[in-house]
Protein backbone atom coordinates (compact mmCIF):
# COMPACT_ATOMS: atom_id res chain seq x y z
CA MET A 1 0.09 0.04 -0.01
CA LYS A 2 1.51 3.17 -1.05
CA THR A 3 1.22 6.41 1.46
CA ALA A 4 -0.10 9.27 0.66
CA ALA A 5 3.37 10.96 -0.02
CA GLU A 6 3.96 8.66 -2.48
CA VAL A 7 1.22 8.76 -4.75
CA ASN A 8 1.71 12.90 -4.88
CA TYR A 9 5.60 12.54 -5.91
CA VAL A 10 6.31 14.03 -8.65
CA PRO A 11 9.78 14.14 -9.70
CA GLU A 12 12.07 16.94 -9.24
CA GLN A 13 13.30 17.30 -12.42
CA LEU A 14 9.44 17.16 -14.02
CA THR A 15 8.71 19.34 -11.93
CA ARG A 16 11.32 21.76 -12.74
CA GLU A 17 10.29 21.60 -16.61
CA ARG A 18 6.81 22.28 -16.11
CA SER A 19 7.46 25.62 -13.95
CA ARG A 20 9.76 26.94 -17.01
CA GLU A 21 7.94 26.01 -19.77
CA PRO A 22 4.66 28.42 -19.04
CA LYS A 23 7.73 31.46 -18.13
CA GLN A 24 9.42 30.36 -21.94
CA ARG A 25 6.10 30.78 -23.67
CA ARG A 26 5.38 34.20 -21.60
CA ARG A 27 8.92 36.02 -22.59
CA ILE A 28 8.50 35.01 -26.28
CA PRO A 29 5.72 37.59 -27.97
CA GLY A 30 3.05 35.84 -30.23
CA PHE A 31 4.04 37.08 -33.64
CA LEU A 32 7.39 35.62 -32.99
CA ARG A 33 6.74 31.66 -32.22
CA GLN A 34 4.38 31.74 -35.26
CA GLY A 35 7.33 32.26 -37.59
CA ASP A 36 8.38 30.96 -40.03
CA LEU A 37 11.12 30.86 -42.96
CA PRO A 38 9.27 33.47 -44.80
CA TYR A 39 8.38 35.60 -41.77
CA TYR A 40 11.86 35.76 -40.73
CA ALA A 41 13.01 36.81 -44.03
CA ALA A 42 10.65 39.24 -43.62
CA LEU A 43 12.37 40.21 -40.05
CA LEU A 44 14.99 40.77 -41.38
CA ILE A 45 14.81 42.47 -45.15
CA VAL A 46 13.12 44.85 -42.49
CA SER A 47 15.75 45.18 -39.54
CA ALA A 48 18.69 45.88 -41.87
CA ILE A 49 16.36 48.34 -44.30
CA THR A 50 16.17 50.36 -41.31
CA LEU A 51 19.78 49.72 -40.37
CA SER A 52 20.95 51.40 -44.06
CA ALA A 53 18.32 54.10 -42.90
CA VAL A 54 19.90 54.95 -39.62
CA VAL A 55 23.77 54.26 -40.48
CA PRO A 56 23.89 54.42 -44.13
CA GLN A 57 27.63 55.60 -43.71
CA TRP A 58 28.65 52.44 -41.96
CA LEU A 59 27.41 49.99 -45.11
CA ALA A 60 28.06 52.23 -48.17
CA PRO A 61 30.97 50.81 -50.13
CA PHE A 62 31.40 54.96 -51.53
CA PRO A 63 30.25 58.28 -51.25
CA PRO A 64 26.24 58.70 -52.45
CA ALA A 65 27.67 61.78 -53.89
CA GLU A 66 30.89 60.75 -55.50
CA MET A 67 30.66 61.40 -59.31
CA ASN A 68 33.51 59.41 -61.34
CA ALA A 69 33.64 59.86 -65.08
CA ASP A 70 35.85 57.53 -65.67
CA ALA A 71 32.92 55.06 -64.94
CA LEU A 72 29.44 56.06 -66.63
CA LEU A 73 26.67 53.31 -66.25
CA GLN A 74 29.33 50.86 -65.47
CA LYS A 75 27.74 47.31 -65.38
CA PRO A 76 27.34 45.07 -61.76
CA GLY A 77 30.99 43.90 -61.04
CA SER A 78 33.16 43.28 -58.07
CA VAL A 79 33.60 46.75 -57.32
CA HIS A 80 30.09 48.38 -57.76
CA TRP A 81 28.28 45.49 -56.59
CA PHE A 82 24.93 47.30 -58.33
CA GLY A 83 26.15 49.04 -60.97
CA THR A 84 26.80 53.59 -61.68
CA ASP A 85 24.61 55.47 -62.75
CA TYR A 86 24.37 58.49 -65.83
CA TYR A 87 27.13 60.31 -63.59
CA GLY A 88 29.36 57.70 -62.80
CA ARG A 89 27.74 57.38 -58.66
CA ASP A 90 28.01 53.93 -57.26
CA MET A 91 24.34 52.27 -57.42
CA LEU A 92 24.09 50.44 -53.96
CA SER A 93 25.72 53.02 -52.13
CA LEU A 94 22.55 55.54 -53.42
CA LEU A 95 20.16 52.83 -52.26
CA ILE A 96 21.45 52.76 -48.94
CA TYR A 97 21.14 56.22 -48.46
CA GLY A 98 18.05 56.47 -50.71
CA ALA A 99 16.03 54.20 -47.67
CA ARG A 100 16.63 57.17 -45.35
CA ASP A 101 13.37 59.32 -47.21
CA SER A 102 11.29 56.41 -48.18
CA LEU A 103 11.31 54.54 -44.25
CA LEU A 104 10.09 58.31 -43.51
CA ILE A 105 8.27 59.02 -45.49
CA GLY A 106 5.67 54.91 -45.26
CA ALA A 107 6.89 55.83 -41.20
CA GLY A 108 5.51 59.97 -40.71
CA SER A 109 2.50 59.39 -43.18
CA VAL A 110 1.62 56.52 -41.00
CA LEU A 111 1.59 58.11 -38.02
CA ILE A 112 0.12 61.58 -39.11
CA GLY A 113 -2.62 59.46 -40.43
CA GLY A 114 -3.12 56.94 -37.87
CA ALA A 115 -3.31 59.94 -35.34
CA ALA A 116 -5.66 61.89 -36.94
CA GLY A 117 -8.01 59.23 -38.31
CA MET A 118 -7.95 57.97 -34.89
CA LEU A 119 -9.23 61.36 -33.34
CA ILE A 120 -11.83 61.69 -35.37
CA GLY A 121 -13.22 57.50 -35.33
CA SER A 122 -13.15 57.85 -31.78
CA LEU A 123 -14.90 61.13 -31.56
CA ALA A 124 -17.87 59.69 -34.25
CA GLY A 125 -18.02 56.52 -32.84
CA TYR A 126 -17.84 57.50 -28.91
CA ILE A 127 -20.32 61.27 -29.21
CA GLY A 128 -22.49 59.58 -32.19
CA GLY A 129 -25.50 61.51 -33.29
CA PHE A 130 -24.38 64.60 -35.35
CA ALA A 131 -21.05 64.50 -34.75
CA ASP A 132 -20.52 61.41 -36.32
CA GLY A 133 -23.16 62.15 -39.29
CA VAL A 134 -20.55 65.12 -39.97
CA LEU A 135 -17.87 63.27 -39.77
CA MET A 136 -18.86 60.52 -41.62
CA ARG A 137 -19.81 61.84 -44.88
CA ILE A 138 -16.42 64.09 -44.70
CA ILE A 139 -14.67 60.35 -44.27
CA ASP A 140 -16.91 59.10 -47.20
CA VAL A 141 -15.60 61.98 -49.97
CA LEU A 142 -11.94 61.19 -49.00
CA MET A 143 -12.80 57.56 -48.95
CA ALA A 144 -14.45 57.81 -53.19
CA ILE A 145 -11.72 59.84 -53.92
CA PRO A 146 -8.63 57.01 -54.93
CA GLY A 147 -6.01 57.15 -52.97
CA LEU A 148 -2.51 57.28 -55.59
CA LEU A 149 -4.69 60.46 -57.41
CA LEU A 150 -5.07 62.37 -53.85
CA SER A 151 -1.85 62.42 -52.40
CA LEU A 152 -0.66 63.39 -56.36
CA ALA A 153 -3.21 66.18 -56.40
CA ILE A 154 -2.51 67.12 -52.60
CA ALA A 155 1.35 67.17 -53.68
CA ALA A 156 0.98 69.02 -56.95
CA ALA A 157 -0.60 71.84 -54.73
CA LEU A 158 1.59 71.86 -52.17
CA GLY A 159 5.10 71.42 -54.16
CA PRO A 160 7.87 68.79 -54.42
CA SER A 161 9.77 68.03 -50.97
CA LEU A 162 9.68 65.35 -48.24
CA LEU A 163 7.42 66.59 -45.67
CA ASN A 164 4.83 68.09 -48.82
CA ILE A 165 4.68 64.24 -49.83
CA VAL A 166 4.57 62.53 -46.25
CA LEU A 167 1.02 65.04 -45.25
CA ALA A 168 -0.12 64.36 -48.96
CA VAL A 169 0.40 60.17 -48.18
CA SER A 170 -1.00 60.79 -45.04
CA VAL A 171 -4.23 62.44 -46.03
CA SER A 172 -4.91 59.74 -48.39
CA LEU A 173 -4.65 57.32 -45.03
CA VAL A 174 -7.23 59.00 -43.11
CA PRO A 175 -10.03 57.27 -44.12
CA LYS A 176 -9.41 54.19 -43.41
CA PHE A 177 -8.11 54.57 -39.65
CA ALA A 178 -11.14 56.33 -39.22
CA ARG A 179 -12.77 53.38 -40.41
CA VAL A 180 -11.71 51.06 -38.83
CA VAL A 181 -11.62 52.71 -35.09
CA ARG A 182 -15.21 54.31 -35.20
CA SER A 183 -16.45 49.99 -35.91
CA GLN A 184 -14.11 49.42 -32.69
CA VAL A 185 -15.28 52.06 -30.74
CA ILE A 186 -18.88 51.83 -31.68
CA SER A 187 -18.37 47.19 -30.74
CA ILE A 188 -17.17 48.47 -27.32
CA LYS A 189 -19.02 51.29 -26.24
CA SER A 190 -22.01 48.81 -25.78
CA ARG A 191 -20.54 46.62 -24.18
CA PRO A 192 -21.19 45.87 -20.10
CA TYR A 193 -18.75 46.40 -18.63
CA ILE A 194 -18.95 50.41 -20.16
CA ALA A 195 -22.04 50.95 -18.92
CA ALA A 196 -20.51 49.26 -14.87
CA SER A 197 -18.54 51.99 -15.16
CA ARG A 198 -21.37 54.66 -16.31
CA SER A 199 -23.80 52.81 -13.40
CA ILE A 200 -20.66 54.05 -10.64
CA GLY A 201 -19.98 57.47 -11.52
CA ALA A 202 -17.00 57.65 -13.87
CA GLY A 203 -17.16 60.04 -16.15
CA GLY A 204 -16.90 60.00 -20.44
CA GLY A 205 -12.92 61.27 -20.80
CA HIS A 206 -12.10 58.08 -17.89
CA ILE A 207 -14.40 55.47 -19.36
CA PHE A 208 -12.81 56.14 -22.47
CA VAL A 209 -9.00 56.01 -21.78
CA LYS A 210 -9.19 53.18 -19.29
CA HIS A 211 -11.34 50.86 -20.90
CA VAL A 212 -12.37 51.97 -24.42
CA LEU A 213 -8.47 53.35 -25.66
CA PRO A 214 -6.67 50.49 -25.42
CA HIS A 215 -9.08 48.04 -26.98
CA VAL A 216 -8.47 50.13 -30.40
CA ILE A 217 -4.47 50.23 -29.63
CA SER A 218 -3.77 46.80 -31.06
CA PRO A 219 -6.31 46.66 -34.11
CA LEU A 220 -4.53 50.20 -35.41
CA LEU A 221 -1.08 49.17 -34.43
CA VAL A 222 -1.63 45.50 -37.47
CA MET A 223 -3.02 48.49 -39.39
CA ALA A 224 0.15 51.02 -38.97
CA THR A 225 2.13 47.93 -40.25
CA ILE A 226 0.52 46.69 -43.53
CA GLY A 227 -0.15 50.57 -43.99
CA ILE A 228 3.67 51.40 -44.03
CA GLY A 229 3.95 49.58 -47.23
CA SER A 230 1.56 51.06 -49.00
CA SER A 231 2.73 54.72 -47.85
CA ILE A 232 5.77 53.52 -49.05
CA LEU A 233 4.52 52.57 -52.70
CA VAL A 234 2.37 55.63 -52.64
CA GLY A 235 5.31 58.10 -51.92
CA SER A 236 7.85 55.94 -54.92
CA ALA A 237 4.70 56.28 -56.97
CA LEU A 238 5.15 60.24 -56.49
CA SER A 239 8.71 60.66 -56.82
CA PHE A 240 8.33 58.56 -60.16
CA LEU A 241 5.64 61.21 -61.19
CA GLY A 242 8.22 64.35 -60.58
CA LEU A 243 6.51 65.21 -57.14
CA GLY A 244 9.23 63.87 -54.60
CA VAL A 245 12.47 65.21 -52.65
CA LEU A 246 14.32 67.59 -55.22
CA LYS A 247 17.58 67.21 -53.62
CA GLU A 248 21.73 65.78 -54.35
CA ILE A 249 21.11 62.17 -52.95
CA PRO A 250 17.45 61.11 -54.33
CA ASP A 251 14.92 58.42 -52.99
CA TRP A 252 13.69 55.02 -54.33
CA GLY A 253 11.38 56.53 -56.77
CA THR A 254 13.25 59.21 -57.38
CA LEU A 255 15.73 56.63 -58.69
CA LEU A 256 13.94 54.21 -60.82
CA SER A 257 12.34 57.66 -62.78
CA GLN A 258 15.85 58.89 -63.17
CA GLY A 259 16.84 55.35 -64.10
CA ARG A 260 13.78 54.36 -66.71
CA GLY A 261 15.64 56.24 -69.53
CA TYR A 262 18.44 54.22 -69.50
CA LEU A 263 16.91 50.61 -69.29
CA THR A 264 18.14 49.37 -72.81
CA VAL A 265 21.73 50.36 -71.82
CA ALA A 266 21.85 50.79 -68.35
CA TRP A 267 18.98 48.08 -66.87
CA TRP A 268 20.18 48.23 -63.31
CA ASN A 269 19.89 52.24 -63.05
CA ALA A 270 16.41 50.60 -62.82
CA THR A 271 16.14 47.34 -62.01
CA PHE A 272 17.58 47.82 -58.21
CA PRO A 273 15.72 50.14 -57.06
CA GLY A 274 12.59 48.51 -58.40
CA LEU A 275 13.54 45.39 -56.73
CA ALA A 276 14.05 47.35 -53.42
CA ILE A 277 10.69 49.35 -53.53
CA THR A 278 9.49 45.52 -53.51
CA LEU A 279 11.26 44.16 -51.45
CA LEU A 280 10.57 46.55 -48.67
CA VAL A 281 6.82 46.53 -48.92
CA LEU A 282 6.10 42.95 -49.21
CA ALA A 283 8.40 42.53 -46.23
CA VAL A 284 6.26 45.45 -44.04
CA ASN A 285 3.00 43.56 -45.45
CA LEU A 286 4.11 39.94 -44.12
CA VAL A 287 5.38 41.26 -41.03
CA GLY A 288 1.31 43.31 -40.25
CA ASP A 289 -0.28 40.16 -41.63
CA ARG A 290 1.86 38.08 -38.67
CA TRP A 291 1.12 40.44 -36.42
CA ARG A 292 -2.65 40.42 -37.18
CA ASP A 293 -2.82 36.79 -37.39
CA ALA A 294 -1.14 36.79 -34.05
CA LEU A 295 -3.38 39.78 -32.58
CA ASP A 296 -6.00 38.15 -33.49
CA PRO A 297 -8.54 37.64 -30.50
CA LYS A 298 -10.78 35.20 -32.63
CA ARG A 299 -7.70 33.24 -33.60
CA HIS A 300 -6.92 32.75 -30.35
CA ALA A 301 -10.37 31.79 -29.51
CA LYS A 302 -10.46 28.20 -31.21
């Protein structure tokens, strides 16, 4: 006959493994646990391009504005890995330095457009009534205009500069953020715990900050991540059309526009900027898509 101590005995090693397992799971965020090779490759691409934008002088093999008359339109080789342009500048160095403006356009547009959209959507969804009707009709007008066409009109009116491109792209993002935030706020404010907070005397501002806003942040973060890719694409399109940043070191869209005239004699001048834009947009969209799956409560409820 076994004693109670023997029946309840659990090996010490098994106890340690059980106690260690939940701690390890808690340390690793969900969007890292479910990654696969394409996801980690996308993270690597985004990290490498971000590093290029932050410290380009560490990575660029040549000064970006250095012209070499003896290396005009030189093919990719051991010295110039991505070839040279029509001024003899190293294309790899230009791409590394041009990443900064492209990322600033993407991140700045999402930051401004997301903040404006969150404000409009929160007011419309939380206050409701007349304010909701007026704000949503304005959003409907903006949504009726294609995003690229709206950005093009604003950028043409403001003139070519980095700030103007950021403002032009951010305006086209406002309706998307406003719609998402409004639907989230309307759904949350009708829940029982909101009514319970009102019953104990909580004010509208307190309820919004403590109970409504935290539930809006997760979808906003995911939408912002995906929106960075589309913003970079729109910003590159504006630069391609001649409304980009006019300075000595061009962004990727301007490089693509400048290289299109040399496709028959120097294909690398347009190919590598185009590939850089494509890789960055795909990588950011893949990361945002995985984060959306990781933060989706319906997916975890299954």
